[in-house]
Structure formats: structure tokens, C-alpha cells
Amino acid sequence: MPHALVAANRPATLDQLALDQPARVHRVDVSAAAQPAERRQQLADIGLVNGESVAVVARAWPAGDPLVVRIGHSRFALRRAEAACVHVVALE
């Protein structure tokens, strides 16, 4: 199921973005997604920190899990539950 574009300057989580929609990381919150506390550091280690540019570039078919995300100039695979921890602001 394709994801609709999130309106510019609107908050969302990384898993909610449409493919190739540019965004900036606003914060990472693992508590709401029932992730272990160390997941925040793991996500920071791959570059998911405040202000970093990010986009979803692919989703596995058919369930959409995992996601391939572009963080700066690098690409990583994230589970949808991990991507849901990353709060972003969509860009135009």
C-alpha cells in the first residue's frame, strides 16, 4: 500500500513518509514504541540525530517491512518498529 506524502512542515514518524519524501529528524523516542533503551543509541550511531536529512527509499513487498532509508548519503535497512521511533518533519 503506497503511503501519501506528508504535508511540508508537518510532524510524522519515519515509517509514515512516502517513498523519497525528504524530511529532517526532529527527535528519536524509543519509549513509545516499546523498544529497548539502547535502541536510541543504535539509531544515533547510524546517523539518526536531530537535524539530519532522511528519506524512505524502499519498502519490502508485500508487508513493507523492513524499510530502506537514506540518512545523509548512506542507506540502511530499518524495521518498521524502529522507524516509528524516529520523529521527523517533512520538507517540501
N, C-alpha and C. Protein backbone atom coordinates (compact mmCIF):
# COMPACT_ATOMS: atom_id res chain seq x y z
N MET A 1 0.84 -1.17 0.00
CA MET A 1 0.00 0.00 0.00
C MET A 1 0.89 1.24 0.00
N PRO A 2 0.75 2.12 -0.99
CA PRO A 2 1.59 3.32 -1.05
C PRO A 2 1.21 4.31 0.05
N HIS A 3 2.20 4.99 0.54
CA HIS A 3 2.00 6.00 1.57
C HIS A 3 1.83 7.35 0.89
N ALA A 4 0.91 8.16 1.38
CA ALA A 4 0.69 9.50 0.85
C ALA A 4 1.77 10.44 1.38
N LEU A 5 2.05 11.48 0.61
CA LEU A 5 3.01 12.48 1.07
C LEU A 5 2.50 13.14 2.34
N VAL A 6 3.40 13.35 3.27
CA VAL A 6 3.10 14.10 4.49
C VAL A 6 3.28 15.57 4.13
N ALA A 7 2.35 16.41 4.54
CA ALA A 7 2.43 17.84 4.23
C ALA A 7 3.72 18.43 4.79
N ALA A 8 4.29 19.38 4.05
CA ALA A 8 5.54 20.04 4.46
C ALA A 8 5.37 20.69 5.83
N ASN A 9 6.42 20.64 6.60
CA ASN A 9 6.49 21.20 7.95
C ASN A 9 5.55 20.51 8.93
N ARG A 10 5.08 19.32 8.60
CA ARG A 10 4.22 18.56 9.49
C ARG A 10 5.03 17.48 10.18
N PRO A 11 4.76 17.24 11.46
CA PRO A 11 5.44 16.15 12.15
C PRO A 11 4.89 14.80 11.69
N ALA A 12 5.74 13.81 11.68
CA ALA A 12 5.38 12.44 11.31
C ALA A 12 6.46 11.54 11.87
N THR A 13 6.30 10.26 11.71
CA THR A 13 7.38 9.34 12.02
C THR A 13 7.94 8.81 10.71
N LEU A 14 9.15 8.35 10.74
CA LEU A 14 9.85 7.93 9.54
C LEU A 14 9.07 6.88 8.76
N ASP A 15 8.40 5.97 9.45
CA ASP A 15 7.65 4.92 8.76
C ASP A 15 6.41 5.45 8.04
N GLN A 16 5.98 6.67 8.32
CA GLN A 16 4.79 7.25 7.69
C GLN A 16 5.09 8.01 6.41
N LEU A 17 6.37 8.26 6.12
CA LEU A 17 6.72 9.04 4.94
C LEU A 17 6.45 8.26 3.65
N ALA A 18 6.12 8.99 2.60
CA ALA A 18 6.03 8.40 1.27
C ALA A 18 7.45 8.14 0.76
N LEU A 19 7.58 7.27 -0.23
CA LEU A 19 8.91 6.99 -0.79
C LEU A 19 9.54 8.27 -1.33
N ASP A 20 10.80 8.45 -1.03
CA ASP A 20 11.63 9.57 -1.49
C ASP A 20 11.17 10.94 -0.98
N GLN A 21 10.29 10.98 0.01
CA GLN A 21 9.88 12.26 0.57
C GLN A 21 10.97 12.75 1.52
N PRO A 22 11.53 13.91 1.27
CA PRO A 22 12.59 14.42 2.15
C PRO A 22 12.04 14.87 3.49
N ALA A 23 12.85 14.67 4.52
CA ALA A 23 12.46 15.08 5.88
C ALA A 23 13.73 15.33 6.67
N ARG A 24 13.55 15.91 7.84
CA ARG A 24 14.65 16.12 8.80
C ARG A 24 14.25 15.46 10.10
N VAL A 25 15.24 14.84 10.74
CA VAL A 25 14.99 14.21 12.03
C VAL A 25 14.72 15.30 13.06
N HIS A 26 13.64 15.13 13.81
CA HIS A 26 13.29 16.07 14.88
C HIS A 26 13.71 15.50 16.24
N ARG A 27 13.41 14.20 16.47
CA ARG A 27 13.82 13.55 17.71
C ARG A 27 13.65 12.05 17.54
N VAL A 28 14.28 11.30 18.43
CA VAL A 28 14.14 9.85 18.47
C VAL A 28 13.57 9.50 19.84
N ASP A 29 12.45 8.78 19.84
CA ASP A 29 11.77 8.42 21.08
C ASP A 29 11.46 6.93 21.06
N VAL A 30 12.26 6.14 21.77
CA VAL A 30 12.06 4.69 21.78
C VAL A 30 11.03 4.25 22.82
N SER A 31 10.69 5.10 23.76
CA SER A 31 9.78 4.69 24.84
C SER A 31 8.37 4.40 24.32
N ALA A 32 7.87 5.17 23.39
CA ALA A 32 6.51 4.98 22.89
C ALA A 32 6.37 3.74 22.01
N ALA A 33 7.46 3.26 21.46
CA ALA A 33 7.40 2.13 20.53
C ALA A 33 7.83 0.82 21.17
N ALA A 34 7.93 0.80 22.49
CA ALA A 34 8.30 -0.42 23.23
C ALA A 34 9.61 -1.01 22.72
N GLN A 35 10.58 -0.17 22.47
CA GLN A 35 11.90 -0.59 22.04
C GLN A 35 12.84 -0.52 23.24
N PRO A 36 13.87 -1.35 23.27
CA PRO A 36 14.83 -1.26 24.37
C PRO A 36 15.53 0.11 24.38
N ALA A 37 15.90 0.56 25.56
CA ALA A 37 16.51 1.89 25.71
C ALA A 37 17.77 2.05 24.86
N GLU A 38 18.52 0.98 24.68
CA GLU A 38 19.76 1.09 23.89
C GLU A 38 19.50 1.31 22.40
N ARG A 39 18.25 1.11 21.96
CA ARG A 39 17.91 1.34 20.55
C ARG A 39 18.14 2.79 20.17
N ARG A 40 17.91 3.72 21.09
CA ARG A 40 18.13 5.15 20.79
C ARG A 40 19.58 5.38 20.40
N GLN A 41 20.51 4.80 21.13
CA GLN A 41 21.93 4.97 20.82
C GLN A 41 22.28 4.29 19.50
N GLN A 42 21.70 3.12 19.25
CA GLN A 42 21.96 2.42 17.99
C GLN A 42 21.49 3.25 16.80
N LEU A 43 20.33 3.87 16.92
CA LEU A 43 19.83 4.72 15.83
C LEU A 43 20.70 5.96 15.67
N ALA A 44 21.18 6.53 16.78
CA ALA A 44 22.09 7.68 16.70
C ALA A 44 23.41 7.27 16.04
N ASP A 45 23.88 6.06 16.32
CA ASP A 45 25.14 5.59 15.74
C ASP A 45 25.11 5.50 14.22
N ILE A 46 23.92 5.26 13.65
CA ILE A 46 23.85 5.20 12.18
C ILE A 46 23.48 6.56 11.57
N GLY A 47 23.33 7.58 12.42
CA GLY A 47 23.14 8.94 11.92
C GLY A 47 21.77 9.54 12.13
N LEU A 48 20.88 8.84 12.81
CA LEU A 48 19.55 9.39 13.06
C LEU A 48 19.60 10.29 14.28
N VAL A 49 20.04 11.53 14.03
CA VAL A 49 20.18 12.55 15.08
C VAL A 49 19.43 13.80 14.63
N ASN A 50 19.10 14.65 15.58
CA ASN A 50 18.35 15.88 15.27
C ASN A 50 18.99 16.65 14.13
N GLY A 51 18.16 17.04 13.17
CA GLY A 51 18.62 17.87 12.05
C GLY A 51 19.11 17.11 10.85
N GLU A 52 19.34 15.82 10.95
CA GLU A 52 19.87 15.03 9.82
C GLU A 52 18.79 14.84 8.76
N SER A 53 19.18 14.93 7.49
CA SER A 53 18.23 14.67 6.40
C SER A 53 18.00 13.18 6.26
N VAL A 54 16.76 12.82 5.94
CA VAL A 54 16.39 11.41 5.88
C VAL A 54 15.25 11.24 4.88
N ALA A 55 15.16 10.05 4.28
CA ALA A 55 14.06 9.70 3.38
C ALA A 55 13.93 8.18 3.34
N VAL A 56 12.73 7.70 3.11
CA VAL A 56 12.50 6.27 2.88
C VAL A 56 12.66 6.05 1.38
N VAL A 57 13.55 5.15 0.99
CA VAL A 57 13.78 4.93 -0.44
C VAL A 57 13.19 3.61 -0.95
N ALA A 58 12.84 2.69 -0.05
CA ALA A 58 12.22 1.44 -0.48
C ALA A 58 11.54 0.77 0.71
N ARG A 59 10.54 -0.03 0.39
CA ARG A 59 9.85 -0.86 1.38
C ARG A 59 9.81 -2.27 0.84
N ALA A 60 10.01 -3.25 1.71
CA ALA A 60 9.93 -4.64 1.29
C ALA A 60 8.49 -4.95 0.90
N TRP A 61 8.33 -5.82 -0.06
CA TRP A 61 7.00 -6.20 -0.51
C TRP A 61 6.66 -7.56 0.04
N PRO A 62 5.50 -7.88 0.48
CA PRO A 62 4.27 -7.09 0.45
C PRO A 62 3.99 -6.33 1.75
N ALA A 63 4.64 -6.68 2.84
CA ALA A 63 4.28 -6.11 4.14
C ALA A 63 4.90 -4.74 4.42
N GLY A 64 5.89 -4.32 3.65
CA GLY A 64 6.51 -3.02 3.88
C GLY A 64 7.52 -3.00 5.01
N ASP A 65 8.00 -4.17 5.38
CA ASP A 65 8.95 -4.27 6.49
C ASP A 65 10.05 -5.23 6.09
N PRO A 66 11.30 -4.84 6.04
CA PRO A 66 11.89 -3.60 6.54
C PRO A 66 11.81 -2.47 5.51
N LEU A 67 12.28 -1.30 5.95
CA LEU A 67 12.37 -0.12 5.11
C LEU A 67 13.84 0.12 4.79
N VAL A 68 14.11 0.65 3.62
CA VAL A 68 15.45 1.14 3.31
C VAL A 68 15.38 2.65 3.42
N VAL A 69 16.22 3.21 4.28
CA VAL A 69 16.20 4.65 4.50
C VAL A 69 17.54 5.26 4.12
N ARG A 70 17.47 6.47 3.57
CA ARG A 70 18.67 7.24 3.26
C ARG A 70 18.86 8.23 4.40
N ILE A 71 20.02 8.14 5.03
CA ILE A 71 20.38 9.05 6.11
C ILE A 71 21.61 9.80 5.63
N GLY A 72 21.45 11.08 5.33
CA GLY A 72 22.54 11.81 4.70
C GLY A 72 22.83 11.18 3.35
N HIS A 73 24.04 10.64 3.18
CA HIS A 73 24.41 10.00 1.92
C HIS A 73 24.52 8.48 2.05
N SER A 74 24.09 7.93 3.17
CA SER A 74 24.17 6.48 3.41
C SER A 74 22.78 5.86 3.39
N ARG A 75 22.73 4.55 3.18
CA ARG A 75 21.47 3.81 3.20
C ARG A 75 21.55 2.69 4.22
N PHE A 76 20.43 2.50 4.94
CA PHE A 76 20.34 1.47 5.96
C PHE A 76 18.97 0.82 5.89
N ALA A 77 18.88 -0.42 6.32
CA ALA A 77 17.60 -1.10 6.48
C ALA A 77 17.17 -0.96 7.93
N LEU A 78 15.91 -0.59 8.12
CA LEU A 78 15.34 -0.47 9.46
C LEU A 78 14.02 -1.24 9.50
N ARG A 79 13.76 -1.87 10.62
CA ARG A 79 12.43 -2.45 10.83
C ARG A 79 11.44 -1.31 10.97
N ARG A 80 10.20 -1.58 10.60
CA ARG A 80 9.17 -0.54 10.70
C ARG A 80 9.04 -0.05 12.14
N ALA A 81 9.16 -0.93 13.13
CA ALA A 81 9.07 -0.53 14.55
C ALA A 81 10.19 0.43 14.93
N GLU A 82 11.38 0.24 14.36
CA GLU A 82 12.49 1.16 14.63
C GLU A 82 12.22 2.51 13.96
N ALA A 83 11.74 2.48 12.73
CA ALA A 83 11.45 3.72 12.00
C ALA A 83 10.35 4.52 12.70
N ALA A 84 9.44 3.83 13.39
CA ALA A 84 8.37 4.51 14.11
C ALA A 84 8.89 5.31 15.31
N CYS A 85 10.10 5.04 15.74
CA CYS A 85 10.72 5.77 16.85
C CYS A 85 11.31 7.10 16.41
N VAL A 86 11.49 7.27 15.11
CA VAL A 86 12.16 8.45 14.58
C VAL A 86 11.11 9.47 14.15
N HIS A 87 11.04 10.56 14.90
CA HIS A 87 10.09 11.64 14.59
C HIS A 87 10.78 12.61 13.65
N VAL A 88 10.09 12.94 12.58
CA VAL A 88 10.66 13.79 11.54
C VAL A 88 9.70 14.93 11.23
N VAL A 89 10.23 15.92 10.52
CA VAL A 89 9.42 16.99 9.95
C VAL A 89 9.60 16.91 8.45
N ALA A 90 8.50 16.74 7.75
CA ALA A 90 8.55 16.61 6.29
C ALA A 90 8.96 17.93 5.67
N LEU A 91 9.73 17.82 4.59
CA LEU A 91 10.18 19.01 3.86
C LEU A 91 9.44 19.09 2.52
N GLU A 92 9.52 20.23 1.88
CA GLU A 92 8.85 20.40 0.57
C GLU A 92 9.59 19.66 -0.51
